[in-house]
Amino acid sequence: MELKYDGLNTEEWSKKLKEYLRILKLAKRPKREEFFHIAKIAGAAMALIGAIGFAIYIMLTVLPQGL
């Protein structure tokens, strides 16, 4: 008796699992310096997007009241 779930049999499941495990084995943890570099860039991007959103908010709420 073969188990089926969402159209995948056990053979296909084990094949997919092996593919995922292979990718996880190839992946490496970032070094501390690399992690902080990525965190700085991501933080700067979030701050920039927030500043743009705040500027749009000001233009749409405060400026029309003054006109």
PDB file of N, CA and C in Angstrom:
ATOM      1  N   MET A   1       0.846  -1.177   0.000  1.00  0.00           N
ATOM      2  CA  MET A   1       0.000   0.000   0.000  1.00  0.00           C
ATOM      3  C   MET A   1       0.891   1.239   0.000  1.00  0.00           C
ATOM      4  N   GLU A   2       0.642   2.135  -0.947  1.00  0.00           N
ATOM      5  CA  GLU A   2       1.465   3.334  -1.079  1.00  0.00           C
ATOM      6  C   GLU A   2       0.690   4.539  -0.546  1.00  0.00           C
ATOM      7  N   LEU A   3       1.320   5.309   0.307  1.00  0.00           N
ATOM      8  CA  LEU A   3       0.682   6.492   0.870  1.00  0.00           C
ATOM      9  C   LEU A   3       0.767   7.640  -0.122  1.00  0.00           C
ATOM     10  N   LYS A   4      -0.317   8.387  -0.260  1.00  0.00           N
ATOM     11  CA  LYS A   4      -0.322   9.552  -1.140  1.00  0.00           C
ATOM     12  C   LYS A   4      -0.829  10.750  -0.352  1.00  0.00           C
ATOM     13  N   TYR A   5      -0.188  11.892  -0.619  1.00  0.00           N
ATOM     14  CA  TYR A   5      -0.592  13.133   0.026  1.00  0.00           C
ATOM     15  C   TYR A   5      -0.351  14.259  -0.968  1.00  0.00           C
ATOM     16  N   ASP A   6      -1.384  14.969  -1.351  1.00  0.00           N
ATOM     17  CA  ASP A   6      -1.313  16.052  -2.330  1.00  0.00           C
ATOM     18  C   ASP A   6      -0.644  15.619  -3.627  1.00  0.00           C
ATOM     19  N   GLY A   7      -0.889  14.399  -4.055  1.00  0.00           N
ATOM     20  CA  GLY A   7      -0.353  13.948  -5.321  1.00  0.00           C
ATOM     21  C   GLY A   7       1.095  13.499  -5.277  1.00  0.00           C
ATOM     22  N   LEU A   8       1.751  13.536  -4.134  1.00  0.00           N
ATOM     23  CA  LEU A   8       3.142  13.102  -4.020  1.00  0.00           C
ATOM     24  C   LEU A   8       3.195  11.776  -3.282  1.00  0.00           C
ATOM     25  N   ASN A   9       3.903  10.810  -3.846  1.00  0.00           N
ATOM     26  CA  ASN A   9       4.053   9.547  -3.135  1.00  0.00           C
ATOM     27  C   ASN A   9       5.293   9.614  -2.247  1.00  0.00           C
ATOM     28  N   THR A  10       5.540   8.570  -1.499  1.00  0.00           N
ATOM     29  CA  THR A  10       6.653   8.588  -0.545  1.00  0.00           C
ATOM     30  C   THR A  10       7.997   8.705  -1.241  1.00  0.00           C
ATOM     31  N   GLU A  11       8.107   8.169  -2.440  1.00  0.00           N
ATOM     32  CA  GLU A  11       9.365   8.261  -3.180  1.00  0.00           C
ATOM     33  C   GLU A  11       9.666   9.711  -3.561  1.00  0.00           C
ATOM     34  N   GLU A  12       8.644  10.423  -4.008  1.00  0.00           N
ATOM     35  CA  GLU A  12       8.822  11.833  -4.370  1.00  0.00           C
ATOM     36  C   GLU A  12       9.108  12.682  -3.140  1.00  0.00           C
ATOM     37  N   TRP A  13       8.459  12.348  -2.015  1.00  0.00           N
ATOM     38  CA  TRP A  13       8.718  13.085  -0.772  1.00  0.00           C
ATOM     39  C   TRP A  13      10.175  12.928  -0.354  1.00  0.00           C
ATOM     40  N   SER A  14      10.685  11.701  -0.399  1.00  0.00           N
ATOM     41  CA  SER A  14      12.070  11.477   0.025  1.00  0.00           C
ATOM     42  C   SER A  14      13.038  12.159  -0.929  1.00  0.00           C
ATOM     43  N   LYS A  15      12.708  12.207  -2.205  1.00  0.00           N
ATOM     44  CA  LYS A  15      13.563  12.895  -3.174  1.00  0.00           C
ATOM     45  C   LYS A  15      13.612  14.398  -2.873  1.00  0.00           C
ATOM     46  N   LYS A  16      12.450  14.987  -2.612  1.00  0.00           N
ATOM     47  CA  LYS A  16      12.387  16.413  -2.265  1.00  0.00           C
ATOM     48  C   LYS A  16      13.150  16.695  -0.978  1.00  0.00           C
ATOM     49  N   LEU A  17      12.985  15.839   0.014  1.00  0.00           N
ATOM     50  CA  LEU A  17      13.676  16.024   1.283  1.00  0.00           C
ATOM     51  C   LEU A  17      15.186  15.984   1.089  1.00  0.00           C
ATOM     52  N   LYS A  18      15.669  15.074   0.266  1.00  0.00           N
ATOM     53  CA  LYS A  18      17.103  14.993  -0.011  1.00  0.00           C
ATOM     54  C   LYS A  18      17.605  16.253  -0.706  1.00  0.00           C
ATOM     55  N   GLU A  19      16.797  16.813  -1.614  1.00  0.00           N
ATOM     56  CA  GLU A  19      17.180  18.059  -2.279  1.00  0.00           C
ATOM     57  C   GLU A  19      17.304  19.194  -1.263  1.00  0.00           C
ATOM     58  N   TYR A  20      16.338  19.305  -0.361  1.00  0.00           N
ATOM     59  CA  TYR A  20      16.374  20.359   0.652  1.00  0.00           C
ATOM     60  C   TYR A  20      17.558  20.178   1.597  1.00  0.00           C
ATOM     61  N   LEU A  21      17.839  18.950   1.992  1.00  0.00           N
ATOM     62  CA  LEU A  21      18.973  18.692   2.878  1.00  0.00           C
ATOM     63  C   LEU A  21      20.293  19.036   2.194  1.00  0.00           C
ATOM     64  N   ARG A  22      20.387  18.772   0.893  1.00  0.00           N
ATOM     65  CA  ARG A  22      21.600  19.104   0.153  1.00  0.00           C
ATOM     66  C   ARG A  22      21.829  20.614   0.149  1.00  0.00           C
ATOM     67  N   ILE A  23      20.768  21.375  -0.043  1.00  0.00           N
ATOM     68  CA  ILE A  23      20.882  22.831  -0.031  1.00  0.00           C
ATOM     69  C   ILE A  23      21.277  23.326   1.353  1.00  0.00           C
ATOM     70  N   LEU A  24      20.690  22.751   2.400  1.00  0.00           N
ATOM     71  CA  LEU A  24      21.041  23.159   3.759  1.00  0.00           C
ATOM     72  C   LEU A  24      22.495  22.848   4.084  1.00  0.00           C
ATOM     73  N   LYS A  25      23.025  21.755   3.555  1.00  0.00           N
ATOM     74  CA  LYS A  25      24.428  21.422   3.790  1.00  0.00           C
ATOM     75  C   LYS A  25      25.355  22.409   3.093  1.00  0.00           C
ATOM     76  N   LEU A  26      24.938  22.930   1.930  1.00  0.00           N
ATOM     77  CA  LEU A  26      25.761  23.889   1.197  1.00  0.00           C
ATOM     78  C   LEU A  26      25.727  25.277   1.834  1.00  0.00           C
ATOM     79  N   ALA A  27      24.648  25.585   2.530  1.00  0.00           N
ATOM     80  CA  ALA A  27      24.502  26.906   3.131  1.00  0.00           C
ATOM     81  C   ALA A  27      25.470  27.062   4.299  1.00  0.00           C
ATOM     82  N   LYS A  28      25.906  28.304   4.508  1.00  0.00           N
ATOM     83  CA  LYS A  28      26.810  28.564   5.623  1.00  0.00           C
ATOM     84  C   LYS A  28      26.285  29.750   6.415  1.00  0.00           C
ATOM     85  N   ARG A  29      26.669  29.794   7.662  1.00  0.00           N
ATOM     86  CA  ARG A  29      26.285  30.922   8.501  1.00  0.00           C
ATOM     87  C   ARG A  29      27.155  32.109   8.137  1.00  0.00           C
ATOM     88  N   PRO A  30      26.574  33.313   8.098  1.00  0.00           N
ATOM     89  CA  PRO A  30      27.401  34.479   7.787  1.00  0.00           C
ATOM     90  C   PRO A  30      28.339  34.800   8.949  1.00  0.00           C
ATOM     91  N   LYS A  31      29.481  35.359   8.605  1.00  0.00           N
ATOM     92  CA  LYS A  31      30.407  35.809   9.645  1.00  0.00           C
ATOM     93  C   LYS A  31      29.799  37.026  10.329  1.00  0.00           C
ATOM     94  N   ARG A  32      30.299  37.332  11.503  1.00  0.00           N
ATOM     95  CA  ARG A  32      29.758  38.441  12.292  1.00  0.00           C
ATOM     96  C   ARG A  32      29.814  39.756  11.507  1.00  0.00           C
ATOM     97  N   GLU A  33      30.925  39.998  10.845  1.00  0.00           N
ATOM     98  CA  GLU A  33      31.100  41.234  10.078  1.00  0.00           C
ATOM     99  C   GLU A  33      30.091  41.305   8.925  1.00  0.00           C
ATOM    100  N   GLU A  34      29.907  40.187   8.231  1.00  0.00           N
ATOM    101  CA  GLU A  34      28.960  40.136   7.121  1.00  0.00           C
ATOM    102  C   GLU A  34      27.527  40.346   7.616  1.00  0.00           C
ATOM    103  N   PHE A  35      27.193  39.759   8.752  1.00  0.00           N
ATOM    104  CA  PHE A  35      25.855  39.917   9.315  1.00  0.00           C
ATOM    105  C   PHE A  35      25.571  41.375   9.654  1.00  0.00           C
ATOM    106  N   PHE A  36      26.531  42.052  10.310  1.00  0.00           N
ATOM    107  CA  PHE A  36      26.320  43.451  10.671  1.00  0.00           C
ATOM    108  C   PHE A  36      26.229  44.334   9.434  1.00  0.00           C
ATOM    109  N   HIS A  37      26.982  44.005   8.399  1.00  0.00           N
ATOM    110  CA  HIS A  37      26.915  44.764   7.153  1.00  0.00           C
ATOM    111  C   HIS A  37      25.516  44.642   6.539  1.00  0.00           C
ATOM    112  N   ILE A  38      24.989  43.441   6.483  1.00  0.00           N
ATOM    113  CA  ILE A  38      23.648  43.213   5.933  1.00  0.00           C
ATOM    114  C   ILE A  38      22.597  43.903   6.801  1.00  0.00           C
ATOM    115  N   ALA A  39      22.766  43.837   8.126  1.00  0.00           N
ATOM    116  CA  ALA A  39      21.808  44.469   9.037  1.00  0.00           C
ATOM    117  C   ALA A  39      21.799  45.986   8.860  1.00  0.00           C
ATOM    118  N   LYS A  40      22.970  46.593   8.661  1.00  0.00           N
ATOM    119  CA  LYS A  40      23.040  48.041   8.440  1.00  0.00           C
ATOM    120  C   LYS A  40      22.322  48.430   7.157  1.00  0.00           C
ATOM    121  N   ILE A  41      22.553  47.672   6.098  1.00  0.00           N
ATOM    122  CA  ILE A  41      21.910  47.979   4.820  1.00  0.00           C
ATOM    123  C   ILE A  41      20.396  47.825   4.931  1.00  0.00           C
ATOM    124  N   ALA A  42      19.938  46.753   5.577  1.00  0.00           N
ATOM    125  CA  ALA A  42      18.500  46.534   5.738  1.00  0.00           C
ATOM    126  C   ALA A  42      17.882  47.630   6.603  1.00  0.00           C
ATOM    127  N   GLY A  43      18.567  48.034   7.667  1.00  0.00           N
ATOM    128  CA  GLY A  43      18.068  49.106   8.523  1.00  0.00           C
ATOM    129  C   GLY A  43      17.982  50.430   7.787  1.00  0.00           C
ATOM    130  N   ALA A  44      19.001  50.731   6.980  1.00  0.00           N
ATOM    131  CA  ALA A  44      18.981  51.968   6.201  1.00  0.00           C
ATOM    132  C   ALA A  44      17.838  51.956   5.189  1.00  0.00           C
ATOM    133  N   ALA A  45      17.599  50.813   4.574  1.00  0.00           N
ATOM    134  CA  ALA A  45      16.498  50.706   3.611  1.00  0.00           C
ATOM    135  C   ALA A  45      15.151  50.902   4.302  1.00  0.00           C
ATOM    136  N   MET A  46      14.980  50.317   5.487  1.00  0.00           N
ATOM    137  CA  MET A  46      13.722  50.492   6.225  1.00  0.00           C
ATOM    138  C   MET A  46      13.530  51.947   6.636  1.00  0.00           C
ATOM    139  N   ALA A  47      14.610  52.601   7.064  1.00  0.00           N
ATOM    140  CA  ALA A  47      14.517  54.007   7.452  1.00  0.00           C
ATOM    141  C   ALA A  47      14.159  54.877   6.250  1.00  0.00           C
ATOM    142  N   LEU A  48      14.750  54.585   5.100  1.00  0.00           N
ATOM    143  CA  LEU A  48      14.450  55.347   3.890  1.00  0.00           C
ATOM    144  C   LEU A  48      12.991  55.174   3.481  1.00  0.00           C
ATOM    145  N   ILE A  49      12.500  53.963   3.509  1.00  0.00           N
ATOM    146  CA  ILE A  49      11.097  53.710   3.155  1.00  0.00           C
ATOM    147  C   ILE A  49      10.168  54.393   4.155  1.00  0.00           C
ATOM    148  N   GLY A  50      10.524  54.360   5.436  1.00  0.00           N
ATOM    149  CA  GLY A  50       9.724  55.044   6.444  1.00  0.00           C
ATOM    150  C   GLY A  50       9.714  56.547   6.243  1.00  0.00           C
ATOM    151  N   ALA A  51      10.864  57.127   5.893  1.00  0.00           N
ATOM    152  CA  ALA A  51      10.940  58.567   5.653  1.00  0.00           C
ATOM    153  C   ALA A  51      10.102  58.965   4.442  1.00  0.00           C
ATOM    154  N   ILE A  52      10.148  58.160   3.404  1.00  0.00           N
ATOM    155  CA  ILE A  52       9.333  58.439   2.217  1.00  0.00           C
ATOM    156  C   ILE A  52       7.851  58.357   2.575  1.00  0.00           C
ATOM    157  N   GLY A  53       7.466  57.348   3.332  1.00  0.00           N
ATOM    158  CA  GLY A  53       6.073  57.216   3.755  1.00  0.00           C
ATOM    159  C   GLY A  53       5.630  58.376   4.631  1.00  0.00           C
ATOM    160  N   PHE A  54       6.498  58.816   5.532  1.00  0.00           N
ATOM    161  CA  PHE A  54       6.164  59.945   6.399  1.00  0.00           C
ATOM    162  C   PHE A  54       6.019  61.222   5.581  1.00  0.00           C
ATOM    163  N   ALA A  55       6.893  61.422   4.603  1.00  0.00           N
ATOM    164  CA  ALA A  55       6.801  62.606   3.745  1.00  0.00           C
ATOM    165  C   ALA A  55       5.486  62.601   2.964  1.00  0.00           C
ATOM    166  N   ILE A  56       5.094  61.458   2.462  1.00  0.00           N
ATOM    167  CA  ILE A  56       3.818  61.359   1.742  1.00  0.00           C
ATOM    168  C   ILE A  56       2.656  61.641   2.690  1.00  0.00           C
ATOM    169  N   TYR A  57       2.733  61.129   3.910  1.00  0.00           N
ATOM    170  CA  TYR A  57       1.688  61.380   4.909  1.00  0.00           C
ATOM    171  C   TYR A  57       1.567  62.880   5.190  1.00  0.00           C
ATOM    172  N   ILE A  58       2.690  63.548   5.378  1.00  0.00           N
ATOM    173  CA  ILE A  58       2.680  64.991   5.648  1.00  0.00           C
ATOM    174  C   ILE A  58       2.080  65.742   4.466  1.00  0.00           C
ATOM    175  N   MET A  59       2.485  65.365   3.257  1.00  0.00           N
ATOM    176  CA  MET A  59       1.967  66.058   2.069  1.00  0.00           C
ATOM    177  C   MET A  59       0.458  65.877   1.918  1.00  0.00           C
ATOM    178  N   LEU A  60      -0.064  64.738   2.322  1.00  0.00           N
ATOM    179  CA  LEU A  60      -1.490  64.474   2.128  1.00  0.00           C
ATOM    180  C   LEU A  60      -2.363  64.925   3.293  1.00  0.00           C
ATOM    181  N   THR A  61      -1.789  65.167   4.472  1.00  0.00           N
ATOM    182  CA  THR A  61      -2.617  65.551   5.622  1.00  0.00           C
ATOM    183  C   THR A  61      -2.372  66.982   6.077  1.00  0.00           C
ATOM    184  N   VAL A  62      -1.143  67.361   6.271  1.00  0.00           N
ATOM    185  CA  VAL A  62      -0.847  68.672   6.851  1.00  0.00           C
ATOM    186  C   VAL A  62      -0.897  69.774   5.799  1.00  0.00           C
ATOM    187  N   LEU A  63      -0.300  69.544   4.653  1.00  0.00           N
ATOM    188  CA  LEU A  63      -0.245  70.595   3.639  1.00  0.00           C
ATOM    189  C   LEU A  63      -1.616  71.009   3.106  1.00  0.00           C
ATOM    190  N   PRO A  64      -2.553  70.108   2.851  1.00  0.00           N
ATOM    191  CA  PRO A  64      -3.871  70.557   2.369  1.00  0.00           C
ATOM    192  C   PRO A  64      -4.623  71.417   3.389  1.00  0.00           C
ATOM    193  N   GLN A  65      -4.387  71.231   4.676  1.00  0.00           N
ATOM    194  CA  GLN A  65      -5.055  72.037   5.696  1.00  0.00           C
ATOM    195  C   GLN A  65      -4.546  73.471   5.665  1.00  0.00           C
ATOM    196  N   GLY A  66      -3.279  73.658   5.313  1.00  0.00           N
ATOM    197  CA  GLY A  66      -2.697  74.997   5.280  1.00  0.00           C
ATOM    198  C   GLY A  66      -3.101  75.778   4.049  1.00  0.00           C
ATOM    199  N   LEU A  67      -3.573  75.095   3.024  1.00  0.00           N
ATOM    200  CA  LEU A  67      -3.947  75.792   1.782  1.00  0.00           C
ATOM    201  C   LEU A  67      -5.331  76.272   1.819  1.00  0.00           C
TER     202      LEU A  67
END
